[in-house]
Amino acid sequence: MYLSDLQQPRLLPAIRRALCNISPEQFSLWEWQDAVAYITEESLSFESPEQAADYLKNYRVRQETGGSYET
């Protein structure tokens, strides 16, 4: 597995499972925002690490629209 693989929608379930084992406080808000931007290819701002982690945990791909994303 490569870091660039994290952008693959098929890996979202594995990313969610991994996030369940990570405390949001382990990383800075900047690191969470960077992770969200990399994985989702969206530049978003959050008020806390918890908010960014929750965003990733709830992020999913809409199959019916050919791979566009929703939360």
C-alpha atoms as a PDB file:
ATOM      1  CA  MET A   1       0.000   0.000   0.000  1.00  0.00           C
ATOM      2  CA  TYR A   2       1.165   3.492  -0.849  1.00  0.00           C
ATOM      3  CA  LEU A   3       0.225   6.850   0.630  1.00  0.00           C
ATOM      4  CA  SER A   4      -1.377   7.813  -2.684  1.00  0.00           C
ATOM      5  CA  ASP A   5      -3.742   4.830  -2.271  1.00  0.00           C
ATOM      6  CA  LEU A   6      -5.550   6.751   0.499  1.00  0.00           C
ATOM      7  CA  GLN A   7      -7.411   8.646  -2.204  1.00  0.00           C
ATOM      8  CA  GLN A   8      -9.023   5.447  -3.496  1.00  0.00           C
ATOM      9  CA  PRO A   9     -12.747   5.322  -2.572  1.00  0.00           C
ATOM     10  CA  ARG A  10     -12.524   1.559  -2.076  1.00  0.00           C
ATOM     11  CA  LEU A  11     -10.245   2.161   0.914  1.00  0.00           C
ATOM     12  CA  LEU A  12     -12.698   4.385   2.818  1.00  0.00           C
ATOM     13  CA  PRO A  13     -13.946   1.487   4.994  1.00  0.00           C
ATOM     14  CA  ALA A  14     -10.365   0.706   6.048  1.00  0.00           C
ATOM     15  CA  ILE A  15      -9.704   4.392   6.723  1.00  0.00           C
ATOM     16  CA  ARG A  16     -12.827   4.553   8.911  1.00  0.00           C
ATOM     17  CA  ARG A  17     -11.715   1.485  10.875  1.00  0.00           C
ATOM     18  CA  ALA A  18      -8.278   2.999  11.420  1.00  0.00           C
ATOM     19  CA  LEU A  19      -9.814   6.281  12.583  1.00  0.00           C
ATOM     20  CA  CYS A  20     -11.714   4.426  15.299  1.00  0.00           C
ATOM     21  CA  ASN A  21      -8.347   3.566  16.853  1.00  0.00           C
ATOM     22  CA  ILE A  22      -6.984   7.106  16.736  1.00  0.00           C
ATOM     23  CA  SER A  23      -7.766   9.789  19.265  1.00  0.00           C
ATOM     24  CA  PRO A  24      -8.314  13.114  17.460  1.00  0.00           C
ATOM     25  CA  GLU A  25      -6.113  14.823  20.055  1.00  0.00           C
ATOM     26  CA  GLN A  26      -3.124  12.779  18.866  1.00  0.00           C
ATOM     27  CA  PHE A  27      -2.743  15.154  15.927  1.00  0.00           C
ATOM     28  CA  SER A  28      -2.985  18.878  15.463  1.00  0.00           C
ATOM     29  CA  LEU A  29      -5.886  20.568  13.716  1.00  0.00           C
ATOM     30  CA  TRP A  30      -3.541  21.383  10.834  1.00  0.00           C
ATOM     31  CA  GLU A  31      -2.601  17.694  10.463  1.00  0.00           C
ATOM     32  CA  TRP A  32      -6.261  16.662  10.421  1.00  0.00           C
ATOM     33  CA  GLN A  33      -7.135  19.318   7.858  1.00  0.00           C
ATOM     34  CA  ASP A  34      -4.208  18.181   5.735  1.00  0.00           C
ATOM     35  CA  ALA A  35      -5.400  14.558   5.959  1.00  0.00           C
ATOM     36  CA  VAL A  36      -8.953  15.554   4.983  1.00  0.00           C
ATOM     37  CA  ALA A  37      -7.625  17.569   2.038  1.00  0.00           C
ATOM     38  CA  TYR A  38      -5.440  14.701   0.848  1.00  0.00           C
ATOM     39  CA  ILE A  39      -7.994  11.909   1.221  1.00  0.00           C
ATOM     40  CA  THR A  40     -11.034  13.798  -0.023  1.00  0.00           C
ATOM     41  CA  GLU A  41      -9.307  16.233  -2.387  1.00  0.00           C
ATOM     42  CA  GLU A  42     -11.355  19.009  -0.736  1.00  0.00           C
ATOM     43  CA  SER A  43      -9.903  22.023   1.022  1.00  0.00           C
ATOM     44  CA  LEU A  44     -11.987  22.439   4.168  1.00  0.00           C
ATOM     45  CA  SER A  45     -11.554  24.207   7.492  1.00  0.00           C
ATOM     46  CA  PHE A  46     -12.563  22.768  10.835  1.00  0.00           C
ATOM     47  CA  GLU A  47     -12.755  24.227  14.313  1.00  0.00           C
ATOM     48  CA  SER A  48     -11.232  21.225  16.096  1.00  0.00           C
ATOM     49  CA  PRO A  49      -9.395  17.963  15.477  1.00  0.00           C
ATOM     50  CA  GLU A  50     -12.566  16.129  16.574  1.00  0.00           C
ATOM     51  CA  GLN A  51     -14.625  17.867  13.904  1.00  0.00           C
ATOM     52  CA  ALA A  52     -12.116  16.949  11.169  1.00  0.00           C
ATOM     53  CA  ALA A  53     -11.893  13.335  12.365  1.00  0.00           C
ATOM     54  CA  ASP A  54     -15.691  13.068  12.400  1.00  0.00           C
ATOM     55  CA  TYR A  55     -15.799  14.434   8.865  1.00  0.00           C
ATOM     56  CA  LEU A  56     -13.457  11.686   7.682  1.00  0.00           C
ATOM     57  CA  LYS A  57     -15.341   9.010   9.606  1.00  0.00           C
ATOM     58  CA  ASN A  58     -18.571  10.026   7.868  1.00  0.00           C
ATOM     59  CA  TYR A  59     -17.109  10.672   4.431  1.00  0.00           C
ATOM     60  CA  ARG A  60     -18.382   8.372   1.708  1.00  0.00           C
ATOM     61  CA  VAL A  61     -18.613   7.919  -2.024  1.00  0.00           C
ATOM     62  CA  ARG A  62     -21.941   8.097  -3.819  1.00  0.00           C
ATOM     63  CA  GLN A  63     -21.895   5.126  -6.149  1.00  0.00           C
ATOM     64  CA  GLU A  64     -24.918   6.297  -8.123  1.00  0.00           C
ATOM     65  CA  THR A  65     -23.194   9.481  -9.307  1.00  0.00           C
ATOM     66  CA  GLY A  66     -20.148   7.774 -10.688  1.00  0.00           C
ATOM     67  CA  GLY A  67     -17.855   8.387  -7.773  1.00  0.00           C
ATOM     68  CA  SER A  68     -18.650  11.910  -6.604  1.00  0.00           C
ATOM     69  CA  TYR A  69     -18.440  12.382  -2.870  1.00  0.00           C
ATOM     70  CA  GLU A  70     -20.780  13.290  -0.031  1.00  0.00           C
ATOM     71  CA  THR A  71     -20.667  13.414   3.735  1.00  0.00           C
END
